[in-house]
Amino acid sequence: MTDQPDQEPNEIVAVARAAKERSEAAARSVAERAKSWPLGAIGVGVGIGSAAVAAAVIFASRSKGGK
């Protein structure tokens, strides 16, 4: 192939290797970002907030007459 061990055999292999390294780096980045978000706590918060909004709407829509 080549006399120098650090040189790529051809530019197609070099481009393929660079693309593979970029895609692996992107996958690692996505995995790290996914770990940083506490999705369980966010889901619980959204559920509690939705229940509070529903309770407020029901309370506000009750008729105040009837005594």
Protein backbone atom coordinates (compact mmCIF):
# COMPACT_ATOMS: atom_id res chain seq x y z
CA MET A 1 0.00 0.00 0.00
CA THR A 2 2.13 2.90 1.27
CA ASP A 3 5.57 3.13 2.78
CA GLN A 4 4.41 5.42 5.59
CA PRO A 5 2.35 3.69 8.33
CA ASP A 6 0.43 6.84 9.39
CA GLN A 7 -0.80 7.69 5.91
CA GLU A 8 -4.20 6.46 4.69
CA PRO A 9 -4.17 3.95 1.80
CA ASN A 10 -6.43 6.21 -0.27
CA GLU A 11 -8.74 9.17 0.16
CA ILE A 12 -11.92 7.06 0.11
CA VAL A 13 -10.81 5.14 3.19
CA ALA A 14 -9.74 8.39 4.86
CA VAL A 15 -13.14 10.00 4.23
CA ALA A 16 -14.98 6.89 5.44
CA ARG A 17 -12.92 6.80 8.63
CA ALA A 18 -13.55 10.51 9.27
CA ALA A 19 -17.31 10.07 8.71
CA LYS A 20 -17.39 7.13 11.11
CA GLU A 21 -15.54 9.13 13.78
CA ARG A 22 -17.97 12.05 13.40
CA SER A 23 -21.03 9.80 13.65
CA GLU A 24 -19.65 8.07 16.76
CA ALA A 25 -18.90 11.45 18.35
CA ALA A 26 -22.43 12.63 17.59
CA ALA A 27 -23.91 9.47 19.11
CA ARG A 28 -21.84 9.98 22.28
CA SER A 29 -22.97 13.59 22.48
CA VAL A 30 -26.64 12.63 22.19
CA ALA A 31 -26.23 9.94 24.84
CA GLU A 32 -24.57 12.40 27.23
CA ARG A 33 -27.33 14.97 26.74
CA ALA A 34 -30.02 12.35 27.34
CA LYS A 35 -28.41 11.43 30.66
CA SER A 36 -28.38 15.03 31.86
CA TRP A 37 -32.19 15.50 31.74
CA PRO A 38 -34.15 14.09 34.71
CA LEU A 39 -37.07 12.85 32.62
CA GLY A 40 -38.80 11.06 35.50
CA ALA A 41 -39.01 14.21 37.58
CA ILE A 42 -40.17 16.23 34.59
CA GLY A 43 -42.95 13.70 33.89
CA VAL A 44 -44.16 13.80 37.50
CA GLY A 45 -44.13 17.60 37.43
CA VAL A 46 -46.15 17.72 34.23
CA GLY A 47 -48.68 15.27 35.68
CA ILE A 48 -49.12 17.27 38.87
CA GLY A 49 -49.37 20.52 36.94
CA SER A 50 -52.03 19.08 34.63
CA ALA A 51 -54.06 17.85 37.58
CA ALA A 52 -53.83 21.27 39.23
CA VAL A 53 -55.04 23.02 36.07
CA ALA A 54 -57.93 20.56 35.70
CA ALA A 55 -58.94 21.09 39.34
CA ALA A 56 -58.84 24.86 38.90
CA VAL A 57 -61.04 24.68 35.80
CA ILE A 58 -63.57 22.43 37.52
CA PHE A 59 -63.62 24.67 40.59
CA ALA A 60 -64.06 27.81 38.51
CA SER A 61 -66.85 26.33 36.38
CA ARG A 62 -69.05 25.35 39.33
CA SER A 63 -72.16 27.43 39.72
CA LYS A 64 -72.09 29.58 42.83
CA GLY A 65 -75.85 29.69 43.33
CA GLY A 66 -77.84 27.00 45.10
CA LYS A 67 -77.86 28.07 48.74
